[in-house]
Amino acid sequence: MITINLISEKKKQEIKFKHIYALLKKLDFVLLIVVCSIAMLILGSKIILQNSFNQTISQTTLITKNSQGYNNKVHDINSKISSVEQVQKDFYVWSKLFTELDMDLPSGIRLTYIKAGNDKAVILRGVATTREELLNFKAKLEKSLIISDPVLPISSILNKEDIHFEINAKLNLEKLKL
């Protein structure tokens, strides 16, 4: 069989362009479907991720609100503990001072006034029956671990009996701590 080509070159070119156009049209259609499918997948993923994000935010907000109450309670407890620590830091067991004074106190000495404070000073006033008992009391105070540097004015030792005295001394506050 012999084929005779009666179509002109111009028509051949036109047919060739129509085939290319049809092929490009099909390719564009396939590409459009692929792009739309990918866009729908991305949009679906975005919706799923947005819902997941919103749930996470709502749960985190709920947890934050609940934990904020606990944080406030912990802060209140910590501030109370700090207050108690401050009170304990400044606390002195004054009964140790009184116990030591009682142990060092000779029978002829009667204390009528004791002033002690956080300023590391103590003032003892009283009456001694004899000068020897007063000097003995001062010597015991000098050996004390809580009281140091007792000062007894000379005017207090001029009398032999019924001596009204005032002793100024320093306190070792560290020995009065718990």
C-alpha atoms as a PDB file:
ATOM      1  CA  MET A   1       0.000   0.000   0.000  1.00  0.00           C
ATOM      2  CA  ILE A   2       1.181   3.358  -0.973  1.00  0.00           C
ATOM      3  CA  THR A   3       0.429   6.410   1.128  1.00  0.00           C
ATOM      4  CA  ILE A   4      -0.063   9.603  -0.548  1.00  0.00           C
ATOM      5  CA  ASN A   5       0.238  12.680   1.515  1.00  0.00           C
ATOM      6  CA  LEU A   6      -2.064  15.254   0.097  1.00  0.00           C
ATOM      7  CA  ILE A   7      -1.913  17.608   3.069  1.00  0.00           C
ATOM      8  CA  SER A   8       0.082  20.698   2.608  1.00  0.00           C
ATOM      9  CA  GLU A   9       3.026  21.562   4.815  1.00  0.00           C
ATOM     10  CA  LYS A  10       1.113  24.377   6.445  1.00  0.00           C
ATOM     11  CA  LYS A  11      -1.698  22.000   7.404  1.00  0.00           C
ATOM     12  CA  LYS A  12       0.817  19.471   8.690  1.00  0.00           C
ATOM     13  CA  GLN A  13       2.291  22.141  10.900  1.00  0.00           C
ATOM     14  CA  GLU A  14      -1.151  23.135  12.075  1.00  0.00           C
ATOM     15  CA  ILE A  15      -2.082  19.528  12.950  1.00  0.00           C
ATOM     16  CA  LYS A  16       1.213  19.080  14.752  1.00  0.00           C
ATOM     17  CA  PHE A  17       0.503  22.218  16.849  1.00  0.00           C
ATOM     18  CA  LYS A  18      -3.007  20.955  17.611  1.00  0.00           C
ATOM     19  CA  HIS A  19      -1.560  17.672  18.906  1.00  0.00           C
ATOM     20  CA  ILE A  20       0.991  19.541  21.011  1.00  0.00           C
ATOM     21  CA  TYR A  21      -1.760  21.852  22.258  1.00  0.00           C
ATOM     22  CA  ALA A  22      -3.971  18.894  23.158  1.00  0.00           C
ATOM     23  CA  LEU A  23      -1.065  17.199  24.918  1.00  0.00           C
ATOM     24  CA  LEU A  24      -0.234  20.388  26.834  1.00  0.00           C
ATOM     25  CA  LYS A  25      -3.915  20.792  27.701  1.00  0.00           C
ATOM     26  CA  LYS A  26      -4.020  17.238  29.120  1.00  0.00           C
ATOM     27  CA  LEU A  27      -0.734  17.848  30.958  1.00  0.00           C
ATOM     28  CA  ASP A  28      -2.076  21.121  32.421  1.00  0.00           C
ATOM     29  CA  PHE A  29      -5.262  19.325  33.497  1.00  0.00           C
ATOM     30  CA  VAL A  30      -3.258  16.565  35.245  1.00  0.00           C
ATOM     31  CA  LEU A  31      -0.975  19.143  36.810  1.00  0.00           C
ATOM     32  CA  LEU A  32      -4.005  21.147  37.993  1.00  0.00           C
ATOM     33  CA  ILE A  33      -5.523  18.030  39.579  1.00  0.00           C
ATOM     34  CA  VAL A  34      -2.221  17.193  41.294  1.00  0.00           C
ATOM     35  CA  VAL A  35      -1.822  20.771  42.585  1.00  0.00           C
ATOM     36  CA  CYS A  36      -5.427  20.847  43.830  1.00  0.00           C
ATOM     37  CA  SER A  37      -4.959  17.481  45.557  1.00  0.00           C
ATOM     38  CA  ILE A  38      -1.791  18.706  47.270  1.00  0.00           C
ATOM     39  CA  ALA A  39      -3.540  21.943  48.267  1.00  0.00           C
ATOM     40  CA  MET A  40      -6.441  19.974  49.743  1.00  0.00           C
ATOM     41  CA  LEU A  41      -3.978  17.772  51.664  1.00  0.00           C
ATOM     42  CA  ILE A  42      -2.150  20.819  52.977  1.00  0.00           C
ATOM     43  CA  LEU A  43      -5.430  22.521  53.899  1.00  0.00           C
ATOM     44  CA  GLY A  44      -6.636  19.376  55.678  1.00  0.00           C
ATOM     45  CA  SER A  45      -3.330  19.119  57.520  1.00  0.00           C
ATOM     46  CA  LYS A  46      -3.572  22.770  58.501  1.00  0.00           C
ATOM     47  CA  ILE A  47      -7.067  22.242  59.907  1.00  0.00           C
ATOM     48  CA  ILE A  48      -5.949  19.172  61.874  1.00  0.00           C
ATOM     49  CA  LEU A  49      -2.858  20.968  63.203  1.00  0.00           C
ATOM     50  CA  GLN A  50      -4.908  24.065  64.112  1.00  0.00           C
ATOM     51  CA  ASN A  51      -7.400  21.938  66.082  1.00  0.00           C
ATOM     52  CA  SER A  52      -4.564  20.126  67.817  1.00  0.00           C
ATOM     53  CA  PHE A  53      -2.876  23.436  68.614  1.00  0.00           C
ATOM     54  CA  ASN A  54      -6.128  24.879  70.013  1.00  0.00           C
ATOM     55  CA  GLN A  55      -6.630  21.809  72.228  1.00  0.00           C
ATOM     56  CA  THR A  56      -3.050  22.052  73.483  1.00  0.00           C
ATOM     57  CA  ILE A  57      -3.469  25.748  74.248  1.00  0.00           C
ATOM     58  CA  SER A  58      -6.730  25.165  76.118  1.00  0.00           C
ATOM     59  CA  GLN A  59      -5.175  22.351  78.173  1.00  0.00           C
ATOM     60  CA  THR A  60      -2.060  24.400  78.891  1.00  0.00           C
ATOM     61  CA  THR A  61      -4.176  27.362  79.928  1.00  0.00           C
ATOM     62  CA  LEU A  62      -6.173  25.133  82.262  1.00  0.00           C
ATOM     63  CA  ILE A  63      -2.982  23.679  83.738  1.00  0.00           C
ATOM     64  CA  THR A  64      -1.497  27.157  84.092  1.00  0.00           C
ATOM     65  CA  LYS A  65      -4.602  28.401  85.900  1.00  0.00           C
ATOM     66  CA  ASN A  66      -4.513  25.409  88.263  1.00  0.00           C
ATOM     67  CA  SER A  67      -0.781  25.697  88.850  1.00  0.00           C
ATOM     68  CA  GLN A  68      -1.048  29.448  89.460  1.00  0.00           C
ATOM     69  CA  GLY A  69      -3.141  28.717  92.548  1.00  0.00           C
ATOM     70  CA  TYR A  70      -0.505  26.264  93.738  1.00  0.00           C
ATOM     71  CA  ASN A  71       2.254  28.761  92.970  1.00  0.00           C
ATOM     72  CA  ASN A  72       0.486  31.393  95.082  1.00  0.00           C
ATOM     73  CA  LYS A  73       0.105  28.929  97.950  1.00  0.00           C
ATOM     74  CA  VAL A  74       3.784  27.942  97.711  1.00  0.00           C
ATOM     75  CA  HIS A  75       4.781  31.619  97.661  1.00  0.00           C
ATOM     76  CA  ASP A  76       2.658  32.293 100.783  1.00  0.00           C
ATOM     77  CA  ILE A  77       4.166  29.297 102.579  1.00  0.00           C
ATOM     78  CA  ASN A  78       7.692  30.367 101.587  1.00  0.00           C
ATOM     79  CA  SER A  79       7.110  33.884 102.892  1.00  0.00           C
ATOM     80  CA  LYS A  80       5.787  32.470 106.193  1.00  0.00           C
ATOM     81  CA  ILE A  81       8.816  30.182 106.447  1.00  0.00           C
ATOM     82  CA  SER A  82      11.084  33.175 105.810  1.00  0.00           C
ATOM     83  CA  SER A  83       9.322  35.083 108.594  1.00  0.00           C
ATOM     84  CA  VAL A  84       9.731  32.158 110.984  1.00  0.00           C
ATOM     85  CA  GLU A  85      13.410  31.815 110.025  1.00  0.00           C
ATOM     86  CA  GLN A  86      13.931  35.521 110.738  1.00  0.00           C
ATOM     87  CA  VAL A  87      12.272  35.180 114.143  1.00  0.00           C
ATOM     88  CA  GLN A  88      14.360  32.103 114.940  1.00  0.00           C
ATOM     89  CA  LYS A  89      17.533  33.858 113.780  1.00  0.00           C
ATOM     90  CA  ASP A  90      16.877  36.693 116.233  1.00  0.00           C
ATOM     91  CA  PHE A  91      15.731  34.370 119.024  1.00  0.00           C
ATOM     92  CA  TYR A  92      17.846  34.030 122.163  1.00  0.00           C
ATOM     93  CA  VAL A  93      17.266  31.595 124.999  1.00  0.00           C
ATOM     94  CA  TRP A  94      17.278  34.092 127.846  1.00  0.00           C
ATOM     95  CA  SER A  95      16.664  31.318 130.344  1.00  0.00           C
ATOM     96  CA  LYS A  96      20.312  30.264 129.820  1.00  0.00           C
ATOM     97  CA  LEU A  97      21.372  33.669 131.156  1.00  0.00           C
ATOM     98  CA  PHE A  98      19.085  33.404 134.164  1.00  0.00           C
ATOM     99  CA  THR A  99      20.205  29.829 134.864  1.00  0.00           C
ATOM    100  CA  GLU A 100      23.868  30.835 134.800  1.00  0.00           C
ATOM    101  CA  LEU A 101      23.215  33.875 136.997  1.00  0.00           C
ATOM    102  CA  ASP A 102      21.353  31.660 139.447  1.00  0.00           C
ATOM    103  CA  MET A 103      24.240  29.144 139.563  1.00  0.00           C
ATOM    104  CA  ASP A 104      26.848  31.894 140.076  1.00  0.00           C
ATOM    105  CA  LEU A 105      24.800  33.816 142.620  1.00  0.00           C
ATOM    106  CA  PRO A 106      26.193  33.521 146.151  1.00  0.00           C
ATOM    107  CA  SER A 107      23.707  33.327 148.993  1.00  0.00           C
ATOM    108  CA  GLY A 108      24.523  36.841 150.203  1.00  0.00           C
ATOM    109  CA  ILE A 109      23.658  38.483 146.849  1.00  0.00           C
ATOM    110  CA  ARG A 110      20.133  39.499 145.958  1.00  0.00           C
ATOM    111  CA  LEU A 111      19.493  40.786 142.409  1.00  0.00           C
ATOM    112  CA  THR A 112      16.798  43.438 142.129  1.00  0.00           C
ATOM    113  CA  TYR A 113      17.177  44.435 138.466  1.00  0.00           C
ATOM    114  CA  ILE A 114      18.399  42.664 135.326  1.00  0.00           C
ATOM    115  CA  LYS A 115      18.438  44.392 131.959  1.00  0.00           C
ATOM    116  CA  ALA A 116      19.645  42.467 128.923  1.00  0.00           C
ATOM    117  CA  GLY A 117      18.960  42.943 125.246  1.00  0.00           C
ATOM    118  CA  ASN A 118      20.164  42.336 121.716  1.00  0.00           C
ATOM    119  CA  ASP A 119      22.678  45.173 122.116  1.00  0.00           C
ATOM    120  CA  LYS A 120      25.127  42.737 123.825  1.00  0.00           C
ATOM    121  CA  ALA A 121      24.938  44.569 127.148  1.00  0.00           C
ATOM    122  CA  VAL A 122      23.638  43.469 130.520  1.00  0.00           C
ATOM    123  CA  ILE A 123      23.065  45.510 133.666  1.00  0.00           C
ATOM    124  CA  LEU A 124      22.751  43.767 137.028  1.00  0.00           C
ATOM    125  CA  ARG A 125      21.623  45.692 140.104  1.00  0.00           C
ATOM    126  CA  GLY A 126      21.187  44.336 143.565  1.00  0.00           C
ATOM    127  CA  VAL A 127      22.236  44.232 147.179  1.00  0.00           C
ATOM    128  CA  ALA A 128      25.182  42.328 148.621  1.00  0.00           C
ATOM    129  CA  THR A 129      25.395  41.537 152.340  1.00  0.00           C
ATOM    130  CA  THR A 130      29.222  41.729 152.323  1.00  0.00           C
ATOM    131  CA  ARG A 131      32.014  43.061 150.132  1.00  0.00           C
ATOM    132  CA  GLU A 132      33.595  39.573 149.861  1.00  0.00           C
ATOM    133  CA  GLU A 133      30.397  38.085 148.475  1.00  0.00           C
ATOM    134  CA  LEU A 134      30.168  40.908 145.914  1.00  0.00           C
ATOM    135  CA  LEU A 135      33.786  40.381 144.808  1.00  0.00           C
ATOM    136  CA  ASN A 136      33.202  36.628 144.703  1.00  0.00           C
ATOM    137  CA  PHE A 137      30.117  37.196 142.475  1.00  0.00           C
ATOM    138  CA  LYS A 138      32.138  39.463 140.159  1.00  0.00           C
ATOM    139  CA  ALA A 139      34.883  36.816 139.905  1.00  0.00           C
ATOM    140  CA  LYS A 140      32.299  34.171 138.954  1.00  0.00           C
ATOM    141  CA  LEU A 141      30.902  36.507 136.292  1.00  0.00           C
ATOM    142  CA  GLU A 142      34.410  36.958 134.857  1.00  0.00           C
ATOM    143  CA  LYS A 143      34.669  33.175 134.398  1.00  0.00           C
ATOM    144  CA  SER A 144      31.228  32.943 132.773  1.00  0.00           C
ATOM    145  CA  LEU A 145      30.868  31.933 129.132  1.00  0.00           C
ATOM    146  CA  ILE A 146      27.769  34.073 128.629  1.00  0.00           C
ATOM    147  CA  ILE A 147      28.798  37.230 130.508  1.00  0.00           C
ATOM    148  CA  SER A 148      32.157  38.902 129.922  1.00  0.00           C
ATOM    149  CA  ASP A 149      33.980  42.024 131.079  1.00  0.00           C
ATOM    150  CA  PRO A 150      31.913  42.776 134.199  1.00  0.00           C
ATOM    151  CA  VAL A 151      32.560  46.302 135.473  1.00  0.00           C
ATOM    152  CA  LEU A 152      31.899  47.070 139.128  1.00  0.00           C
ATOM    153  CA  PRO A 153      32.337  50.724 140.104  1.00  0.00           C
ATOM    154  CA  ILE A 154      34.802  51.350 142.953  1.00  0.00           C
ATOM    155  CA  SER A 155      32.098  53.172 144.882  1.00  0.00           C
ATOM    156  CA  SER A 156      30.307  49.835 145.212  1.00  0.00           C
ATOM    157  CA  ILE A 157      33.196  48.259 147.168  1.00  0.00           C
ATOM    158  CA  LEU A 158      33.790  51.091 149.614  1.00  0.00           C
ATOM    159  CA  ASN A 159      31.173  49.816 152.043  1.00  0.00           C
ATOM    160  CA  LYS A 160      31.730  46.551 153.943  1.00  0.00           C
ATOM    161  CA  GLU A 161      28.086  45.542 154.383  1.00  0.00           C
ATOM    162  CA  ASP A 162      24.697  46.156 152.744  1.00  0.00           C
ATOM    163  CA  ILE A 163      26.204  47.213 149.455  1.00  0.00           C
ATOM    164  CA  HIS A 164      23.928  48.440 146.676  1.00  0.00           C
ATOM    165  CA  PHE A 165      25.716  47.635 143.424  1.00  0.00           C
ATOM    166  CA  GLU A 166      25.367  47.912 139.675  1.00  0.00           C
ATOM    167  CA  ILE A 167      27.434  45.697 137.371  1.00  0.00           C
ATOM    168  CA  ASN A 168      27.674  46.501 133.671  1.00  0.00           C
ATOM    169  CA  ALA A 169      28.892  43.654 131.458  1.00  0.00           C
ATOM    170  CA  LYS A 170      28.853  42.341 127.911  1.00  0.00           C
ATOM    171  CA  LEU A 171      26.774  39.411 126.676  1.00  0.00           C
ATOM    172  CA  ASN A 172      27.974  36.670 124.381  1.00  0.00           C
ATOM    173  CA  LEU A 173      24.723  36.354 122.414  1.00  0.00           C
ATOM    174  CA  GLU A 174      26.032  33.382 120.440  1.00  0.00           C
ATOM    175  CA  LYS A 175      25.939  31.318 123.646  1.00  0.00           C
ATOM    176  CA  LEU A 176      22.258  32.232 124.046  1.00  0.00           C
ATOM    177  CA  LYS A 177      21.247  30.877 120.628  1.00  0.00           C
ATOM    178  CA  LEU A 178      19.424  27.577 120.282  1.00  0.00           C
END
